[in-house]
PDB file of N, CA and C in Angstrom:
ATOM      1  N   MET A   1       4.198  -3.746 -13.544  1.00  0.00           N
ATOM      2  CA  MET A   1       3.791  -4.281 -11.907  1.00  0.00           C
ATOM      3  C   MET A   1       4.696  -4.111 -10.614  1.00  0.00           C
ATOM      4  N   GLU A   2       6.048  -4.402 -11.562  1.00  0.00           N
ATOM      5  CA  GLU A   2       7.500  -3.591 -10.312  1.00  0.00           C
ATOM      6  C   GLU A   2       7.855  -2.356 -10.412  1.00  0.00           C
ATOM      7  N   ASN A   3       7.466  -1.480 -11.183  1.00  0.00           N
ATOM      8  CA  ASN A   3       7.115  -0.282 -10.787  1.00  0.00           C
ATOM      9  C   ASN A   3       6.296  -0.051  -9.309  1.00  0.00           C
ATOM     10  N   MET A   4       4.778  -0.606  -9.097  1.00  0.00           N
ATOM     11  CA  MET A   4       4.299  -0.130  -7.726  1.00  0.00           C
ATOM     12  C   MET A   4       4.891  -0.859  -6.876  1.00  0.00           C
ATOM     13  N   TYR A   5       5.319  -1.891  -6.530  1.00  0.00           N
ATOM     14  CA  TYR A   5       6.160  -2.483  -5.667  1.00  0.00           C
ATOM     15  C   TYR A   5       7.127  -0.921  -5.733  1.00  0.00           C
ATOM     16  N   GLU A   6       8.018  -1.023  -6.678  1.00  0.00           N
ATOM     17  CA  GLU A   6       8.778   0.352  -5.803  1.00  0.00           C
ATOM     18  C   GLU A   6       8.330   1.517  -5.693  1.00  0.00           C
ATOM     19  N   GLU A   7       7.331   2.109  -5.673  1.00  0.00           N
ATOM     20  CA  GLU A   7       6.066   2.722  -5.123  1.00  0.00           C
ATOM     21  C   GLU A   7       5.868   2.389  -4.790  1.00  0.00           C
ATOM     22  N   LEU A   8       4.694   1.516  -3.700  1.00  0.00           N
ATOM     23  CA  LEU A   8       4.462   1.181  -2.458  1.00  0.00           C
ATOM     24  C   LEU A   8       6.356   1.277  -1.551  1.00  0.00           C
ATOM     25  N   ALA A   9       6.744   0.659  -1.824  1.00  0.00           N
ATOM     26  CA  ALA A   9       8.116   0.690  -0.836  1.00  0.00           C
ATOM     27  C   ALA A   9       9.016   2.271  -0.814  1.00  0.00           C
ATOM     28  N   GLU A  10       8.489   3.109  -1.559  1.00  0.00           N
ATOM     29  CA  GLU A  10       9.013   4.396  -1.104  1.00  0.00           C
ATOM     30  C   GLU A  10       7.774   5.457   0.017  1.00  0.00           C
ATOM     31  N   LEU A  11       6.575   4.831  -0.431  1.00  0.00           N
ATOM     32  CA  LEU A  11       5.178   4.943   0.613  1.00  0.00           C
ATOM     33  C   LEU A  11       5.571   4.749   1.903  1.00  0.00           C
ATOM     34  N   LEU A  12       5.833   3.324   1.338  1.00  0.00           N
ATOM     35  CA  LEU A  12       6.352   2.316   3.897  1.00  0.00           C
ATOM     36  C   LEU A  12       7.814   3.115   3.553  1.00  0.00           C
ATOM     37  N   GLU A  13       8.537   3.899   2.954  1.00  0.00           N
ATOM     38  CA  GLU A  13       9.569   3.851   3.753  1.00  0.00           C
ATOM     39  C   GLU A  13      10.758   2.737   3.137  1.00  0.00           C
ATOM     40  N   VAL A  14      10.603   2.126   3.183  1.00  0.00           N
ATOM     41  CA  VAL A  14      11.925   1.047   2.659  1.00  0.00           C
ATOM     42  C   VAL A  14      12.487   1.012   1.253  1.00  0.00           C
ATOM     43  N   ASP A  15      13.467   0.101   1.648  1.00  0.00           N
ATOM     44  CA  ASP A  15      14.326  -0.016   0.163  1.00  0.00           C
ATOM     45  C   ASP A  15      12.777  -0.844  -0.766  1.00  0.00           C
ATOM     46  N   GLU A  16      12.758  -2.301  -0.345  1.00  0.00           N
ATOM     47  CA  GLU A  16      11.771  -2.925  -1.142  1.00  0.00           C
ATOM     48  C   GLU A  16      10.282  -3.644  -0.382  1.00  0.00           C
ATOM     49  N   VAL A  17       9.951  -4.417  -1.329  1.00  0.00           N
ATOM     50  CA  VAL A  17       8.590  -4.420  -0.555  1.00  0.00           C
ATOM     51  C   VAL A  17       8.365  -5.949  -1.215  1.00  0.00           C
ATOM     52  N   LYS A  18       7.899  -6.868  -0.804  1.00  0.00           N
ATOM     53  CA  LYS A  18       8.117  -8.496  -0.743  1.00  0.00           C
ATOM     54  C   LYS A  18       6.012  -8.553  -0.359  1.00  0.00           C
ATOM     55  N   ASP A  19       5.302  -9.368  -1.437  1.00  0.00           N
ATOM     56  CA  ASP A  19       3.976  -9.678  -1.080  1.00  0.00           C
ATOM     57  C   ASP A  19       3.115 -10.462   0.205  1.00  0.00           C
ATOM     58  N   ASN A  20       4.684 -11.007   0.581  1.00  0.00           N
ATOM     59  CA  ASN A  20       4.019 -11.640   2.438  1.00  0.00           C
ATOM     60  C   ASN A  20       4.233 -10.808   3.569  1.00  0.00           C
ATOM     61  N   GLU A  21       4.884  -9.265   3.233  1.00  0.00           N
ATOM     62  CA  GLU A  21       5.154  -8.373   4.556  1.00  0.00           C
ATOM     63  C   GLU A  21       3.906  -8.247   4.738  1.00  0.00           C
ATOM     64  N   ILE A  22       3.658  -8.361   6.001  1.00  0.00           N
ATOM     65  CA  ILE A  22       3.291  -7.284   6.739  1.00  0.00           C
ATOM     66  C   ILE A  22       2.825  -6.185   6.725  1.00  0.00           C
ATOM     67  N   LEU A  23       1.575  -5.344   6.288  1.00  0.00           N
ATOM     68  CA  LEU A  23       1.411  -4.020   6.689  1.00  0.00           C
ATOM     69  C   LEU A  23       1.749  -3.258   7.530  1.00  0.00           C
ATOM     70  N   SER A  24       0.801  -3.900   8.791  1.00  0.00           N
ATOM     71  CA  SER A  24       0.910  -3.322  10.148  1.00  0.00           C
ATOM     72  C   SER A  24       2.366  -3.304  10.817  1.00  0.00           C
ATOM     73  N   GLU A  25       3.518  -3.499  10.689  1.00  0.00           N
ATOM     74  CA  GLU A  25       4.979  -4.138  10.884  1.00  0.00           C
ATOM     75  C   GLU A  25       5.524  -3.460  10.282  1.00  0.00           C
ATOM     76  N   PHE A  26       5.205  -2.647   9.076  1.00  0.00           N
ATOM     77  CA  PHE A  26       6.288  -2.005   8.654  1.00  0.00           C
ATOM     78  C   PHE A  26       6.252  -0.332   9.952  1.00  0.00           C
ATOM     79  N   GLU A  27       7.854   0.266  10.206  1.00  0.00           N
ATOM     80  CA  GLU A  27       7.470   1.720  11.025  1.00  0.00           C
ATOM     81  C   GLU A  27       6.780   2.282  10.819  1.00  0.00           C
ATOM     82  N   CYS A  28       6.531   3.142   9.395  1.00  0.00           N
ATOM     83  CA  CYS A  28       5.601   4.184   8.935  1.00  0.00           C
ATOM     84  C   CYS A  28       4.375   4.024   9.348  1.00  0.00           C
ATOM     85  N   TRP A  29       3.815   2.399   9.244  1.00  0.00           N
ATOM     86  CA  TRP A  29       2.287   2.161   8.826  1.00  0.00           C
ATOM     87  C   TRP A  29       1.273   2.808  10.078  1.00  0.00           C
ATOM     88  N   ASP A  30       0.843   3.782   9.794  1.00  0.00           N
ATOM     89  CA  ASP A  30      -0.047   4.820  10.375  1.00  0.00           C
ATOM     90  C   ASP A  30      -1.336   5.128   9.689  1.00  0.00           C
ATOM     91  N   SER A  31      -2.214   5.933  10.227  1.00  0.00           N
ATOM     92  CA  SER A  31      -3.405   6.036   9.586  1.00  0.00           C
ATOM     93  C   SER A  31      -2.858   7.855   7.731  1.00  0.00           C
ATOM     94  N   LEU A  32      -2.165   7.772   8.759  1.00  0.00           N
ATOM     95  CA  LEU A  32      -0.848   8.874   7.332  1.00  0.00           C
ATOM     96  C   LEU A  32      -0.750   8.330   6.563  1.00  0.00           C
ATOM     97  N   THR A  33      -0.208   6.752   6.612  1.00  0.00           N
ATOM     98  CA  THR A  33       0.152   6.239   5.429  1.00  0.00           C
ATOM     99  C   THR A  33      -0.489   5.660   4.912  1.00  0.00           C
ATOM    100  N   VAL A  34      -1.744   4.990   4.682  1.00  0.00           N
ATOM    101  CA  VAL A  34      -2.984   4.375   4.395  1.00  0.00           C
ATOM    102  C   VAL A  34      -3.797   5.664   3.642  1.00  0.00           C
ATOM    103  N   LEU A  35      -3.412   7.232   3.768  1.00  0.00           N
ATOM    104  CA  LEU A  35      -4.172   8.134   3.807  1.00  0.00           C
ATOM    105  C   LEU A  35      -3.395   8.516   2.324  1.00  0.00           C
ATOM    106  N   SER A  36      -2.209   8.468   2.537  1.00  0.00           N
ATOM    107  CA  SER A  36      -1.078   8.077   1.478  1.00  0.00           C
ATOM    108  C   SER A  36      -1.062   7.612   0.612  1.00  0.00           C
ATOM    109  N   ILE A  37      -1.373   6.200   0.552  1.00  0.00           N
ATOM    110  CA  ILE A  37      -2.223   4.767  -0.105  1.00  0.00           C
ATOM    111  C   ILE A  37      -3.097   5.079  -0.917  1.00  0.00           C
ATOM    112  N   ILE A  38      -4.321   5.486  -0.216  1.00  0.00           N
ATOM    113  CA  ILE A  38      -5.585   6.283  -1.353  1.00  0.00           C
ATOM    114  C   ILE A  38      -5.335   6.900  -2.364  1.00  0.00           C
ATOM    115  N   ALA A  39      -4.830   8.208  -2.044  1.00  0.00           N
ATOM    116  CA  ALA A  39      -4.264   8.973  -2.489  1.00  0.00           C
ATOM    117  C   ALA A  39      -3.455   8.543  -3.616  1.00  0.00           C
ATOM    118  N   TRP A  40      -2.513   7.899  -3.525  1.00  0.00           N
ATOM    119  CA  TRP A  40      -2.018   7.280  -4.443  1.00  0.00           C
ATOM    120  C   TRP A  40      -2.361   6.402  -5.372  1.00  0.00           C
ATOM    121  N   ALA A  41      -3.385   5.637  -4.713  1.00  0.00           N
ATOM    122  CA  ALA A  41      -4.371   4.487  -5.641  1.00  0.00           C
ATOM    123  C   ALA A  41      -5.498   5.346  -6.342  1.00  0.00           C
ATOM    124  N   SER A  42      -5.490   6.462  -5.821  1.00  0.00           N
ATOM    125  CA  SER A  42      -6.184   7.083  -7.157  1.00  0.00           C
ATOM    126  C   SER A  42      -5.410   8.120  -8.120  1.00  0.00           C
ATOM    127  N   GLU A  43      -4.403   8.813  -8.248  1.00  0.00           N
ATOM    128  CA  GLU A  43      -4.095   9.761  -8.442  1.00  0.00           C
ATOM    129  C   GLU A  43      -3.198   8.652  -9.766  1.00  0.00           C
ATOM    130  N   ASN A  44      -2.607   7.264  -9.492  1.00  0.00           N
ATOM    131  CA  ASN A  44      -1.526   6.150 -10.365  1.00  0.00           C
ATOM    132  C   ASN A  44      -2.400   5.260 -11.365  1.00  0.00           C
ATOM    133  N   TYR A  45      -3.509   5.161 -10.628  1.00  0.00           N
ATOM    134  CA  TYR A  45      -3.722   3.746 -10.596  1.00  0.00           C
ATOM    135  C   TYR A  45      -5.649   3.650 -11.467  1.00  0.00           C
ATOM    136  N   GLY A  46      -6.599   5.218 -10.697  1.00  0.00           N
ATOM    137  CA  GLY A  46      -7.582   5.401 -10.722  1.00  0.00           C
ATOM    138  C   GLY A  46      -8.517   4.879 -10.319  1.00  0.00           C
ATOM    139  N   LYS A  47      -8.053   3.902  -9.597  1.00  0.00           N
ATOM    140  CA  LYS A  47      -8.533   3.364  -8.026  1.00  0.00           C
ATOM    141  C   LYS A  47      -8.887   4.429  -6.919  1.00  0.00           C
ATOM    142  N   THR A  48     -10.900   3.261  -6.263  1.00  0.00           N
ATOM    143  CA  THR A  48     -11.156   4.661  -5.665  1.00  0.00           C
ATOM    144  C   THR A  48     -11.141   3.534  -4.252  1.00  0.00           C
ATOM    145  N   LEU A  49      -9.864   4.193  -3.379  1.00  0.00           N
ATOM    146  CA  LEU A  49     -10.250   2.892  -1.926  1.00  0.00           C
ATOM    147  C   LEU A  49     -10.378   3.467  -1.087  1.00  0.00           C
ATOM    148  N   LEU A  50     -11.026   3.345   0.263  1.00  0.00           N
ATOM    149  CA  LEU A  50     -11.604   3.432   2.037  1.00  0.00           C
ATOM    150  C   LEU A  50     -10.904   3.153   2.496  1.00  0.00           C
ATOM    151  N   ALA A  51     -10.396   3.751   3.784  1.00  0.00           N
ATOM    152  CA  ALA A  51      -9.714   3.676   4.604  1.00  0.00           C
ATOM    153  C   ALA A  51      -9.854   2.038   5.524  1.00  0.00           C
ATOM    154  N   LYS A  52     -10.994   1.386   4.829  1.00  0.00           N
ATOM    155  CA  LYS A  52     -11.720   0.072   5.596  1.00  0.00           C
ATOM    156  C   LYS A  52     -11.464  -0.684   4.929  1.00  0.00           C
ATOM    157  N   ASP A  53     -11.068  -0.361   3.048  1.00  0.00           N
ATOM    158  CA  ASP A  53      -9.949  -0.935   1.929  1.00  0.00           C
ATOM    159  C   ASP A  53      -9.014  -1.123   3.059  1.00  0.00           C
ATOM    160  N   VAL A  54      -8.308  -0.305   3.070  1.00  0.00           N
ATOM    161  CA  VAL A  54      -6.610  -1.080   3.178  1.00  0.00           C
ATOM    162  C   VAL A  54      -6.957  -1.250   4.300  1.00  0.00           C
ATOM    163  N   ASN A  55      -7.108  -0.833   5.010  1.00  0.00           N
ATOM    164  CA  ASN A  55      -6.873  -1.366   6.643  1.00  0.00           C
ATOM    165  C   ASN A  55      -7.265  -3.201   6.759  1.00  0.00           C
ATOM    166  N   GLY A  56      -8.382  -3.696   5.969  1.00  0.00           N
ATOM    167  CA  GLY A  56      -8.665  -4.953   5.596  1.00  0.00           C
ATOM    168  C   GLY A  56      -7.718  -5.582   4.870  1.00  0.00           C
ATOM    169  N   VAL A  57      -7.040  -5.506   5.126  1.00  0.00           N
ATOM    170  CA  VAL A  57      -5.483  -6.104   4.013  1.00  0.00           C
ATOM    171  C   VAL A  57      -4.847  -6.012   4.819  1.00  0.00           C
ATOM    172  N   LYS A  58      -3.995  -7.725   5.224  1.00  0.00           N
ATOM    173  CA  LYS A  58      -2.855  -7.855   6.093  1.00  0.00           C
ATOM    174  C   LYS A  58      -1.398  -7.895   5.417  1.00  0.00           C
ATOM    175  N   THR A  59      -1.568  -8.075   3.848  1.00  0.00           N
ATOM    176  CA  THR A  59      -0.166  -7.924   3.624  1.00  0.00           C
ATOM    177  C   THR A  59       0.567  -7.277   1.973  1.00  0.00           C
ATOM    178  N   VAL A  60       1.440  -7.044   1.559  1.00  0.00           N
ATOM    179  CA  VAL A  60       1.326  -6.093   0.794  1.00  0.00           C
ATOM    180  C   VAL A  60       0.896  -6.168  -0.806  1.00  0.00           C
ATOM    181  N   GLY A  61       0.774  -8.099  -0.389  1.00  0.00           N
ATOM    182  CA  GLY A  61      -0.050  -8.740  -1.043  1.00  0.00           C
ATOM    183  C   GLY A  61      -0.707  -8.121  -1.825  1.00  0.00           C
ATOM    184  N   GLY A  62      -1.969  -8.054  -0.511  1.00  0.00           N
ATOM    185  CA  GLY A  62      -3.158  -8.161  -0.379  1.00  0.00           C
ATOM    186  C   GLY A  62      -3.288  -6.760  -0.880  1.00  0.00           C
ATOM    187  N   LEU A  63      -2.489  -5.579  -0.808  1.00  0.00           N
ATOM    188  CA  LEU A  63      -2.990  -4.201  -0.719  1.00  0.00           C
ATOM    189  C   LEU A  63      -2.725  -4.420  -2.728  1.00  0.00           C
ATOM    190  N   VAL A  64      -1.716  -4.928  -2.839  1.00  0.00           N
ATOM    191  CA  VAL A  64      -1.638  -5.117  -4.652  1.00  0.00           C
ATOM    192  C   VAL A  64      -3.079  -5.361  -5.695  1.00  0.00           C
ATOM    193  N   ALA A  65      -3.565  -6.506  -4.389  1.00  0.00           N
ATOM    194  CA  ALA A  65      -4.612  -7.485  -5.358  1.00  0.00           C
ATOM    195  C   ALA A  65      -5.976  -5.921  -5.049  1.00  0.00           C
ATOM    196  N   LEU A  66      -6.168  -5.394  -4.433  1.00  0.00           N
ATOM    197  CA  LEU A  66      -6.845  -3.891  -4.591  1.00  0.00           C
ATOM    198  C   LEU A  66      -6.482  -3.394  -5.647  1.00  0.00           C
ATOM    199  N   LEU A  67      -5.370  -3.281  -6.226  1.00  0.00           N
ATOM    200  CA  LEU A  67      -5.064  -2.147  -7.495  1.00  0.00           C
ATOM    201  C   LEU A  67      -5.538  -2.810  -8.212  1.00  0.00           C
ATOM    202  N   LYS A  68      -5.747  -4.058  -8.401  1.00  0.00           N
ATOM    203  CA  LYS A  68      -5.951  -5.014 -10.081  1.00  0.00           C
ATOM    204  C   LYS A  68      -7.274  -4.680 -10.667  1.00  0.00           C
TER     205      LYS A  68
END
């Protein structure tokens, strides 16, 4: 699980992420980041996410919950 947070931090271009952080407040948060997260989830966790799924969550913790 720790590795997931490290990978998300890399995708979000920060040193670390916490569950309560708001996704839209990350400087790099845009449609390309959403697509990167969708591809990452598929490749690394075998999860098929849609853009509406990712955009429907507000926090890092919500995003992690989609991957469980």
